[in-house]
Amino acid sequence: MPSFPHPIASKLPHVGTTIFTVMSNLAEQHNAINLSQGFPDFDCAKALRDLVTKYINAGLNQYPPMAGVMRLRERIAEKTETLYGAKYDPEHEVTVTPGATYGIFTAIATMVRPGDEVLLFEPAYDCYAPSVEVNGGVPVYVQLKYPDYGIDWNAVQRAITPKTRMVLLNTPNNPTASVLSGEDMRMLEGILRGTDIVVVSDEVYEHIVFDGHRHQSVARFPGLAERSFVVSSFGKTYHVTGWKMGYVLAPRELTAEFRKVHQFNVFVTNGPLQHALAAYMENQDAYLSLAAFYQKKRDFFLQGVRASRFKPLPSRGTFFQNLAYDAISDEPDRDLAIRLTKERRVAAIPISVFYREPPPHKVLRFCFAKSEETLARGAEILCRI
């Protein structure tokens, strides 16, 4: 194949392969226990798989409606009202998307114009800044406070300028495993009052919150809901990350603009899966029991590493546990993550990759969305380090 004969002015000149792909490939090469990339090593429910087969065999294999199968949108709206007290019109305010990352990107593409500033909290999930930059926006960062990763709301106030177009939230937070409180949401609500700033709230781990904490969706707060795109994921909730299925809630005016971009970006989302998910959502326990399911796995993993020299940081949500390694090594976290994969056969994610300029924190992120056997083997290795 001949090479392209002209220089390419990349829109993302500093972006390479994501750390998730790098570490998963490295884990495969060295036959390591993969506690890096955030996906379960167990299957979804048989009842859900059977529903997919049912709707494929029923012949529902052509284009569904652009905004999503109505039955699924209705189930999403019902769940949101029940859990958060917020009413969304399924016809005009709920859109089914091929994954949450797509929903975030499309919301940014819808609202951000060249030169607009977008406020991000770092460590920030790695798709946020590139999505802003490729659409001509300018990321502006507020650093979360280590080790609890709380938000300095005075810093947020200082970071907002007349150019601020958007604030991008993530709760429960990946990679920090922190969750925002009701007071956090009220602080943001007050800061944004009287502005035209929009919010994109990444809430893909909404059902995975621990220790009695309550997920504080922006949908609970009228002053935020009126300006927010709320993004969630079926993949995280039903252990089907490979399906790439999610949804976006937003007020009618924002949804209308979102769908203008959506219809020319992907147009529709997988039809049979939508019908299957709509039917499966009638089983509310499948998502209401998720917090207890993953808290048990978190606690199992923490018990396993208790005798290690790693120091656990608070994990209040998501399916990640961060471990500080100050007592183990002075080497940068990326170097340690690579060495542990090659030499000890256990893979993790270095937290520094989620910063522009990494602070001196020595932290690795481990995924506990794994079988107890996998977690026990990984913990045993960590205890020998």
Protein backbone atom coordinates (compact mmCIF):
# COMPACT_ATOMS: atom_id res chain seq x y z
CA MET A 1 0.00 0.00 0.00
CA PRO A 2 1.56 3.38 -0.98
CA SER A 3 1.86 6.00 1.74
CA PHE A 4 -0.17 9.20 1.76
CA PRO A 5 1.95 11.67 -0.24
CA HIS A 6 1.34 14.82 1.85
CA PRO A 7 1.99 15.90 5.43
CA ILE A 8 -1.02 15.42 7.72
CA ALA A 9 -1.89 18.25 10.09
CA SER A 10 -3.37 16.04 12.79
CA LYS A 11 -6.35 17.35 14.75
CA LEU A 12 -5.09 15.25 17.68
CA PRO A 13 -1.29 15.40 17.35
CA HIS A 14 -0.59 14.25 20.91
CA VAL A 15 -2.99 11.31 20.94
CA GLY A 16 -1.76 7.75 20.58
CA THR A 17 -3.20 4.34 21.41
CA THR A 18 -5.23 4.42 24.63
CA ILE A 19 -3.67 3.05 27.80
CA PHE A 20 -6.49 0.49 28.01
CA THR A 21 -5.49 -1.07 24.71
CA VAL A 22 -1.80 -0.88 25.60
CA MET A 23 -2.19 -2.63 28.95
CA SER A 24 -4.68 -5.24 27.71
CA ASN A 25 -2.37 -6.12 24.81
CA LEU A 26 0.57 -6.31 27.21
CA ALA A 27 -1.42 -8.54 29.56
CA GLU A 28 -2.26 -10.87 26.68
CA GLN A 29 1.35 -11.01 25.50
CA HIS A 30 2.62 -11.97 28.96
CA ASN A 31 -0.34 -14.13 30.01
CA ALA A 32 -1.00 -11.75 32.89
CA ILE A 33 -4.10 -11.42 35.03
CA ASN A 34 -5.85 -8.44 33.45
CA LEU A 35 -7.10 -6.12 36.22
CA SER A 36 -6.50 -3.11 33.98
CA GLN A 37 -9.27 -2.59 31.42
CA GLY A 38 -12.72 -2.13 32.92
CA PHE A 39 -14.76 -5.06 31.68
CA PRO A 40 -16.11 -8.16 33.47
CA ASP A 41 -14.56 -11.58 32.93
CA PHE A 42 -17.99 -13.17 33.48
CA ASP A 43 -20.99 -13.28 31.16
CA CYS A 44 -24.28 -11.43 31.30
CA ALA A 45 -27.52 -13.04 32.43
CA LYS A 46 -28.84 -15.94 30.35
CA ALA A 47 -32.30 -14.32 30.37
CA LEU A 48 -30.85 -11.29 28.60
CA ARG A 49 -29.06 -13.43 26.02
CA ASP A 50 -32.26 -15.36 25.38
CA LEU A 51 -34.15 -12.11 24.78
CA VAL A 52 -31.63 -11.06 22.13
CA THR A 53 -32.14 -14.38 20.34
CA LYS A 54 -35.91 -13.99 20.65
CA TYR A 55 -35.98 -10.59 18.96
CA ILE A 56 -33.51 -11.54 16.25
CA ASN A 57 -35.65 -14.57 15.42
CA ALA A 58 -38.76 -12.36 15.50
CA GLY A 59 -37.38 -10.56 12.46
CA LEU A 60 -36.71 -7.19 14.16
CA ASN A 61 -33.46 -6.78 12.24
CA GLN A 62 -34.05 -3.63 10.18
CA TYR A 63 -33.60 0.03 11.06
CA PRO A 64 -35.27 1.00 14.34
CA PRO A 65 -36.40 4.62 14.92
CA MET A 66 -33.55 7.13 14.83
CA ALA A 67 -34.00 8.12 18.48
CA GLY A 68 -34.42 4.54 19.66
CA VAL A 69 -37.15 1.94 20.11
CA MET A 70 -40.02 3.67 21.91
CA ARG A 71 -40.57 0.85 24.39
CA LEU A 72 -36.95 1.16 25.53
CA ARG A 73 -37.14 4.94 25.80
CA GLU A 74 -40.25 4.57 27.92
CA ARG A 75 -38.51 2.12 30.27
CA ILE A 76 -35.55 4.52 30.60
CA ALA A 77 -37.85 7.44 31.42
CA GLU A 78 -39.76 5.37 33.98
CA LYS A 79 -36.55 4.27 35.69
CA THR A 80 -35.23 7.83 35.82
CA GLU A 81 -38.42 9.18 37.35
CA THR A 82 -38.54 6.39 39.93
CA LEU A 83 -34.91 6.76 41.01
CA TYR A 84 -34.33 10.50 40.66
CA GLY A 85 -37.76 12.12 40.60
CA ALA A 86 -37.10 13.65 37.16
CA LYS A 87 -39.60 13.38 34.33
CA TYR A 88 -38.24 13.02 30.79
CA ASP A 89 -40.51 12.77 27.77
CA PRO A 90 -39.58 9.54 25.92
CA GLU A 91 -40.51 11.07 22.58
CA HIS A 92 -38.48 14.26 22.80
CA GLU A 93 -35.96 13.90 25.66
CA VAL A 94 -34.56 10.33 25.58
CA THR A 95 -32.16 9.09 22.89
CA VAL A 96 -30.67 5.60 22.66
CA THR A 97 -27.02 5.64 21.59
CA PRO A 98 -24.33 3.13 20.59
CA GLY A 99 -22.55 3.46 23.92
CA ALA A 100 -21.89 6.21 26.42
CA THR A 101 -18.64 7.37 24.83
CA TYR A 102 -20.61 8.07 21.67
CA GLY A 103 -23.19 9.99 23.69
CA ILE A 104 -20.51 12.15 25.31
CA PHE A 105 -18.79 12.86 22.00
CA THR A 106 -22.06 13.73 20.26
CA ALA A 107 -23.14 16.06 23.06
CA ILE A 108 -19.80 17.86 22.82
CA ALA A 109 -20.02 18.01 19.01
CA THR A 110 -23.53 19.42 19.35
CA MET A 111 -22.68 22.29 21.69
CA VAL A 112 -18.97 23.15 21.44
CA ARG A 113 -17.72 25.56 18.79
CA PRO A 114 -14.11 26.57 18.02
CA GLY A 115 -12.66 28.51 20.93
CA ASP A 116 -15.28 27.43 23.46
CA GLU A 117 -13.87 26.36 26.82
CA VAL A 118 -14.92 23.09 28.46
CA LEU A 119 -14.24 22.54 32.15
CA LEU A 120 -12.83 19.10 32.96
CA PHE A 121 -11.92 17.57 36.30
CA GLU A 122 -8.67 15.65 36.33
CA PRO A 123 -7.72 12.92 36.53
CA ALA A 124 -10.16 12.85 33.61
CA TYR A 125 -11.33 9.84 31.64
CA ASP A 126 -9.24 9.73 28.50
CA CYS A 127 -11.96 10.36 25.89
CA TYR A 128 -13.01 13.76 27.29
CA ALA A 129 -10.23 16.12 26.21
CA PRO A 130 -9.80 14.63 22.69
CA SER A 131 -13.56 14.93 22.12
CA VAL A 132 -13.36 18.60 23.06
CA GLU A 133 -10.25 19.29 21.00
CA VAL A 134 -11.37 17.55 17.80
CA ASN A 135 -14.45 19.81 17.87
CA GLY A 136 -12.34 22.96 18.24
CA GLY A 137 -12.91 23.41 21.96
CA VAL A 138 -10.35 24.23 24.64
CA PRO A 139 -10.12 21.97 27.71
CA VAL A 140 -9.76 23.84 31.00
CA TYR A 141 -8.77 21.71 33.98
CA VAL A 142 -9.57 21.70 37.68
CA GLN A 143 -7.59 19.10 39.60
CA LEU A 144 -9.40 16.89 42.11
CA LYS A 145 -7.95 16.90 45.62
CA TYR A 146 -5.85 13.85 46.46
CA PRO A 147 -6.35 11.36 48.11
CA ASP A 148 -10.17 11.57 48.33
CA TYR A 149 -10.47 13.28 44.94
CA GLY A 150 -12.94 15.90 46.10
CA ILE A 151 -13.76 19.06 44.11
CA ASP A 152 -12.46 22.50 45.10
CA TRP A 153 -15.50 24.59 44.17
CA ASN A 154 -13.58 27.85 44.62
CA ALA A 155 -11.21 26.61 41.91
CA VAL A 156 -14.21 25.82 39.71
CA GLN A 157 -15.53 29.35 40.15
CA ARG A 158 -12.13 30.80 39.22
CA ALA A 159 -11.87 28.58 36.14
CA ILE A 160 -15.14 29.77 34.61
CA THR A 161 -14.78 32.60 32.08
CA PRO A 162 -17.05 34.23 29.49
CA LYS A 163 -15.75 31.57 27.07
CA THR A 164 -16.91 28.62 29.20
CA ARG A 165 -19.47 26.64 27.23
CA MET A 166 -19.61 23.35 29.08
CA VAL A 167 -18.79 21.52 32.31
CA LEU A 168 -18.11 17.79 32.00
CA LEU A 169 -18.91 15.80 35.15
CA ASN A 170 -18.30 12.14 35.93
CA THR A 171 -19.93 10.52 38.96
CA PRO A 172 -19.27 7.84 40.09
CA ASN A 173 -15.85 8.76 38.80
CA ASN A 174 -13.48 6.76 36.64
CA PRO A 175 -10.57 6.58 37.44
CA THR A 176 -10.80 7.88 41.03
CA ALA A 177 -13.76 5.76 42.28
CA SER A 178 -15.10 8.88 44.04
CA VAL A 179 -18.74 10.00 44.04
CA LEU A 180 -20.22 13.49 44.17
CA SER A 181 -22.50 14.42 47.05
CA GLY A 182 -25.76 16.32 47.02
CA GLU A 183 -23.86 19.31 48.38
CA ASP A 184 -21.44 19.11 45.44
CA MET A 185 -24.38 19.23 43.04
CA ARG A 186 -25.92 22.18 44.85
CA MET A 187 -22.61 24.03 44.68
CA LEU A 188 -22.44 23.50 40.91
CA GLU A 189 -26.08 24.46 40.56
CA GLY A 190 -25.37 27.77 42.29
CA ILE A 191 -22.21 28.48 40.28
CA LEU A 192 -23.99 27.94 36.95
CA ARG A 193 -27.17 29.80 37.85
CA GLY A 194 -27.76 32.67 35.43
CA THR A 195 -25.26 31.38 32.85
CA ASP A 196 -25.80 29.61 29.52
CA ILE A 197 -23.23 26.92 30.37
CA VAL A 198 -24.35 23.37 29.61
CA VAL A 199 -23.38 20.23 31.50
CA VAL A 200 -22.50 16.78 30.21
CA SER A 201 -22.84 14.34 33.11
CA ASP A 202 -21.21 10.96 32.58
CA GLU A 203 -23.16 8.65 34.91
CA VAL A 204 -22.37 5.25 33.45
CA TYR A 205 -21.69 3.78 36.92
CA GLU A 206 -24.94 5.19 38.35
CA HIS A 207 -25.96 1.84 39.87
CA ILE A 208 -22.54 1.00 41.35
CA VAL A 209 -22.30 3.10 44.53
CA PHE A 210 -21.12 1.67 47.85
CA ASP A 211 -21.33 1.97 51.63
CA GLY A 212 -24.76 3.56 51.73
CA HIS A 213 -23.85 6.44 49.43
CA ARG A 214 -26.56 7.57 47.03
CA HIS A 215 -25.96 8.35 43.39
CA GLN A 216 -26.55 12.06 42.90
CA SER A 217 -27.61 12.35 39.29
CA VAL A 218 -27.80 15.87 37.91
CA ALA A 219 -31.38 14.90 37.05
CA ARG A 220 -32.23 15.29 40.75
CA PHE A 221 -31.40 19.01 40.68
CA PRO A 222 -33.70 21.21 38.57
CA GLY A 223 -31.09 23.92 38.04
CA LEU A 224 -28.73 21.33 36.58
CA ALA A 225 -31.26 19.10 34.81
CA GLU A 226 -32.48 22.04 32.73
CA ARG A 227 -29.00 22.47 31.21
CA SER A 228 -27.65 18.90 31.20
CA PHE A 229 -27.05 15.94 28.95
CA VAL A 230 -27.19 12.90 31.24
CA VAL A 231 -25.27 9.96 29.77
CA SER A 232 -25.59 6.37 30.96
CA SER A 233 -24.64 2.87 29.87
CA PHE A 234 -26.33 -0.51 29.57
CA GLY A 235 -22.90 -2.07 29.15
CA LYS A 236 -21.79 -1.27 32.70
CA THR A 237 -25.17 -2.10 34.21
CA TYR A 238 -25.80 -5.47 32.56
CA HIS A 239 -22.20 -6.72 32.08
CA VAL A 240 -22.35 -6.29 28.29
CA THR A 241 -19.61 -3.73 27.58
CA GLY A 242 -19.09 -5.22 24.12
CA TRP A 243 -22.62 -4.37 23.07
CA LYS A 244 -21.87 -0.61 23.16
CA MET A 245 -25.37 0.43 24.20
CA GLY A 246 -26.23 3.58 26.14
CA TYR A 247 -28.58 6.52 26.25
CA VAL A 248 -28.72 10.29 26.68
CA LEU A 249 -31.35 12.29 28.59
CA ALA A 250 -31.68 16.03 28.00
CA PRO A 251 -34.34 18.75 27.89
CA ARG A 252 -36.30 18.93 24.67
CA GLU A 253 -34.35 21.88 23.24
CA LEU A 254 -30.96 20.24 23.87
CA THR A 255 -32.18 16.86 22.61
CA ALA A 256 -33.39 18.42 19.35
CA GLU A 257 -29.89 19.73 18.68
CA PHE A 258 -28.28 16.47 19.82
CA ARG A 259 -30.38 14.48 17.37
CA LYS A 260 -29.40 16.74 14.48
CA VAL A 261 -25.83 15.51 14.93
CA HIS A 262 -26.82 11.98 15.94
CA GLN A 263 -28.82 11.33 12.76
CA PHE A 264 -25.81 12.06 10.55
CA ASN A 265 -23.28 10.39 12.83
CA VAL A 266 -24.68 6.89 13.40
CA PHE A 267 -28.41 7.40 12.62
CA VAL A 268 -29.63 4.35 14.58
CA THR A 269 -28.52 1.96 17.30
CA ASN A 270 -28.68 -1.85 17.17
CA GLY A 271 -32.36 -2.80 16.89
CA PRO A 272 -32.67 -6.32 18.36
CA LEU A 273 -30.57 -5.32 21.38
CA GLN A 274 -32.90 -2.40 22.07
CA HIS A 275 -35.94 -4.68 22.13
CA ALA A 276 -34.11 -7.12 24.40
CA LEU A 277 -33.04 -4.38 26.81
CA ALA A 278 -36.55 -2.93 26.92
CA ALA A 279 -37.93 -6.29 28.00
CA TYR A 280 -35.10 -6.94 30.45
CA MET A 281 -35.51 -3.56 32.15
CA GLU A 282 -38.81 -4.80 33.54
CA ASN A 283 -36.64 -6.78 35.97
CA GLN A 284 -35.68 -3.84 38.19
CA ASP A 285 -33.65 -6.01 40.54
CA ALA A 286 -31.09 -6.52 37.77
CA TYR A 287 -29.87 -2.96 38.28
CA LEU A 288 -31.02 -2.28 41.84
CA SER A 289 -28.91 -5.20 43.11
CA LEU A 290 -25.78 -4.10 41.27
CA ALA A 291 -24.29 -2.02 44.10
CA ALA A 292 -24.34 -4.92 46.54
CA PHE A 293 -22.98 -7.27 43.86
CA TYR A 294 -19.93 -5.11 43.20
CA GLN A 295 -19.42 -4.03 46.82
CA LYS A 296 -18.97 -7.70 47.66
CA LYS A 297 -16.31 -7.97 44.95
CA ARG A 298 -14.58 -4.78 46.15
CA ASP A 299 -14.48 -6.05 49.72
CA PHE A 300 -13.20 -9.47 48.58
CA PHE A 301 -10.36 -7.80 46.68
CA LEU A 302 -9.53 -5.48 49.61
CA GLN A 303 -9.42 -8.45 51.96
CA GLY A 304 -7.09 -10.17 49.53
CA VAL A 305 -4.58 -7.29 49.42
CA ARG A 306 -4.78 -6.48 53.14
CA ALA A 307 -1.41 -8.14 53.78
CA SER A 308 0.27 -6.30 50.90
CA ARG A 309 2.32 -3.10 51.04
CA PHE A 310 -0.22 -1.32 48.82
CA LYS A 311 -2.44 1.27 50.49
CA PRO A 312 -6.09 1.24 49.35
CA LEU A 313 -7.65 4.61 48.55
CA PRO A 314 -11.41 5.10 49.08
CA SER A 315 -13.56 3.34 46.48
CA ARG A 316 -17.08 4.71 46.83
CA GLY A 317 -18.34 3.73 43.38
CA THR A 318 -17.49 2.19 39.95
CA PHE A 319 -15.83 -1.21 39.75
CA PHE A 320 -12.31 0.10 40.38
CA GLN A 321 -10.02 0.10 43.39
CA ASN A 322 -7.02 2.44 43.47
CA LEU A 323 -3.93 1.33 45.38
CA ALA A 324 -1.12 3.70 46.39
CA TYR A 325 2.35 2.16 46.22
CA ASP A 326 4.49 4.76 48.08
CA ALA A 327 5.85 2.01 50.36
CA ILE A 328 6.87 -0.18 47.42
CA SER A 329 8.65 1.83 44.75
CA ASP A 330 9.76 5.31 43.66
CA GLU A 331 9.34 4.55 39.97
CA PRO A 332 6.67 6.31 37.86
CA ASP A 333 3.32 4.53 37.84
CA ARG A 334 3.43 3.76 34.14
CA ASP A 335 6.83 2.08 34.50
CA LEU A 336 5.60 0.08 37.48
CA ALA A 337 2.42 -0.96 35.68
CA ILE A 338 4.43 -2.27 32.72
CA ARG A 339 6.94 -4.03 34.99
CA LEU A 340 4.22 -5.70 37.06
CA THR A 341 2.59 -6.98 33.87
CA LYS A 342 5.81 -8.38 32.44
CA GLU A 343 7.47 -9.66 35.60
CA ARG A 344 4.62 -10.41 38.00
CA ARG A 345 1.87 -11.24 35.49
CA VAL A 346 -0.74 -8.83 36.83
CA ALA A 347 -1.91 -5.77 34.86
CA ALA A 348 -3.18 -2.44 36.21
CA ILE A 349 -3.75 1.08 34.87
CA PRO A 350 -1.40 3.92 35.88
CA ILE A 351 -3.43 6.92 37.09
CA SER A 352 -0.93 9.43 35.67
CA VAL A 353 -2.25 8.87 32.13
CA PHE A 354 -5.46 10.69 33.11
CA TYR A 355 -3.58 13.95 33.81
CA ARG A 356 -2.03 16.55 31.49
CA GLU A 357 0.87 17.03 33.89
CA PRO A 358 0.87 14.13 36.33
CA PRO A 359 1.28 14.97 40.03
CA PRO A 360 3.75 12.94 42.12
CA HIS A 361 1.05 10.57 43.38
CA LYS A 362 1.99 6.90 43.15
CA VAL A 363 -1.28 5.16 42.33
CA LEU A 364 -2.41 2.21 40.20
CA ARG A 365 -6.03 1.43 39.28
CA PHE A 366 -7.31 -2.14 39.50
CA CYS A 367 -10.63 -3.43 38.12
CA PHE A 368 -12.52 -5.79 40.41
CA ALA A 369 -15.29 -6.63 37.90
CA LYS A 370 -13.83 -10.12 37.83
CA SER A 371 -14.55 -13.56 39.22
CA GLU A 372 -13.43 -14.25 42.78
CA GLU A 373 -10.91 -16.71 41.39
CA THR A 374 -9.32 -14.01 39.23
CA LEU A 375 -9.34 -11.50 42.10
CA ALA A 376 -7.78 -14.00 44.52
CA ARG A 377 -4.98 -14.83 42.08
CA GLY A 378 -4.30 -11.14 41.45
CA ALA A 379 -4.36 -10.26 45.15
CA GLU A 380 -1.98 -13.11 45.95
CA ILE A 381 0.55 -11.72 43.49
CA LEU A 382 0.19 -8.20 44.88
CA CYS A 383 0.85 -9.47 48.40
CA ARG A 384 4.21 -10.86 47.26
CA ILE A 385 5.43 -7.49 45.92
